Structure formats: structure tokens, C-alpha cells
Amino acid sequence: MFRVTAATKARIGGVAHDVLTLRPRQAGLSVRDATLYVRSSDAVPTRVRVHDVNGGTLAFDLREVRRNAPLAASTFRFAAPRGTEVVDLR
């Protein structure tokens, strides 16, 4: 879907990052480009900037990312509100 058009390095808060600029492979999408900041020490994404064709920017800063953190099974429980029709498409 995207191709890397630039790869640089940056420091965010004193921490080394690899910076990838991504552009869509096909024309006509609403995304002009995206910039992905990946912490060099452990390859964890910490920042994403997405620029749309209308000049808007979506900015995401990811903090306290923990890989393989233990999660209780109850974290993924869904209880439909009373009166809701549930269609199971599995």
C-alpha cells in the first residue's frame, strides 16, 4: 500500500529514531504521505504523522509502549447492550 520514499535519523527527547517517509503506491487516496518515527534501540514506533490531500495532519505520539504486556482475558470481552441484535459473521 505504501512505499518508503525517504529514510533519515532524528532524535526525540534525546533518543535516537529512524524516520521513514511513506507515500501511497496508488494515486487517488486521501493520504498524501505519512512519517513514521521508530526508536532505533528496539524498533518501537513512537510517533506517526499523516498528511492528507486537503492539507490536514493527524499526529500520534505513542508513549509507554510495552510489547507483550500480560493482559487478562476479560480485557477482550464484549457485552452487547440489552436489546441489541448481534450478527455473528464468523
Protein backbone atom coordinates (compact mmCIF):
# COMPACT_ATOMS: atom_id res chain seq x y z
CA MET A 1 0.00 0.00 0.00
CA PHE A 2 2.86 2.39 0.79
CA ARG A 3 6.45 2.70 -0.34
CA VAL A 4 9.34 4.22 1.58
CA THR A 5 10.50 7.40 -0.16
CA ALA A 6 13.00 8.61 2.45
CA ALA A 7 14.84 7.19 5.43
CA THR A 8 16.61 9.51 7.85
CA LYS A 9 17.56 9.70 11.50
CA ALA A 10 16.32 12.04 14.25
CA ARG A 11 16.48 12.47 18.00
CA ILE A 12 13.28 12.86 20.00
CA GLY A 13 13.82 13.78 23.62
CA GLY A 14 17.45 12.73 23.26
CA VAL A 15 16.50 9.28 21.96
CA ALA A 16 17.70 8.09 18.53
CA HIS A 17 14.99 7.30 15.98
CA ASP A 18 14.84 6.05 12.42
CA VAL A 19 12.44 8.18 10.39
CA LEU A 20 10.61 6.74 7.39
CA THR A 21 8.58 8.80 4.95
CA LEU A 22 5.88 6.72 3.28
CA ARG A 23 3.84 7.53 0.16
CA PRO A 24 0.87 5.61 -1.23
CA ARG A 25 1.64 3.27 -4.13
CA GLN A 26 -1.55 4.24 -5.92
CA ALA A 27 -2.96 7.65 -6.77
CA GLY A 28 -6.34 8.91 -5.66
CA LEU A 29 -6.09 8.11 -1.95
CA SER A 30 -6.87 10.64 0.77
CA VAL A 31 -3.39 10.26 2.31
CA ARG A 32 -0.60 12.31 0.73
CA ASP A 33 2.18 10.84 2.88
CA ALA A 34 2.99 9.58 6.36
CA THR A 35 6.08 9.87 8.51
CA LEU A 36 6.86 7.06 10.93
CA TYR A 37 9.33 7.54 13.79
CA VAL A 38 10.78 4.27 15.09
CA ARG A 39 13.00 4.11 18.17
CA SER A 40 16.37 2.81 16.97
CA SER A 41 17.17 0.79 20.10
CA ASP A 42 14.16 -1.55 19.95
CA ALA A 43 12.21 -0.77 16.73
CA VAL A 44 9.15 0.51 18.61
CA PRO A 45 7.14 3.19 16.77
CA THR A 46 6.81 6.31 18.92
CA ARG A 47 5.39 8.93 16.57
CA VAL A 48 3.28 8.99 13.41
CA ARG A 49 2.37 11.99 11.27
CA VAL A 50 -0.17 11.52 8.47
CA HIS A 51 -0.74 14.29 5.91
CA ASP A 52 -3.91 14.22 3.84
CA VAL A 53 -4.51 15.66 0.38
CA ASN A 54 -6.51 18.56 1.84
CA GLY A 55 -3.56 19.84 3.88
CA GLY A 56 -4.63 18.32 7.20
CA THR A 57 -2.30 16.50 9.55
CA LEU A 58 -3.06 13.70 12.01
CA ALA A 59 -0.42 13.45 14.72
CA PHE A 60 0.02 10.50 17.06
CA ASP A 61 2.62 10.29 19.83
CA LEU A 62 2.91 6.83 21.37
CA ARG A 63 4.17 6.77 24.95
CA GLU A 64 4.87 3.97 27.38
CA VAL A 65 4.58 1.30 24.68
CA ARG A 66 5.07 -2.15 26.19
CA ARG A 67 5.48 -5.17 23.98
CA ASN A 68 3.98 -8.49 25.02
CA ALA A 69 2.41 -7.00 28.13
CA PRO A 70 0.28 -9.53 30.03
CA LEU A 71 -3.45 -8.94 29.51
CA ALA A 72 -6.33 -10.61 31.28
CA ALA A 73 -8.79 -12.50 29.07
CA SER A 74 -11.53 -10.19 30.38
CA THR A 75 -9.84 -7.32 28.51
CA PHE A 76 -11.35 -8.67 25.30
CA ARG A 77 -14.91 -9.37 26.46
CA PHE A 78 -17.77 -7.70 24.66
CA ALA A 79 -21.21 -7.43 26.18
CA ALA A 80 -23.86 -6.14 23.79
CA PRO A 81 -26.29 -3.68 25.34
CA ARG A 82 -29.76 -5.05 26.10
CA GLY A 83 -31.97 -5.07 23.01
CA THR A 84 -29.08 -5.09 20.54
CA GLU A 85 -29.24 -7.56 17.66
CA VAL A 86 -25.91 -9.35 17.36
CA VAL A 87 -24.98 -10.78 13.96
CA ASP A 88 -22.12 -13.26 14.22
CA LEU A 89 -20.27 -13.31 10.87
CA ARG A 90 -17.55 -15.75 11.85
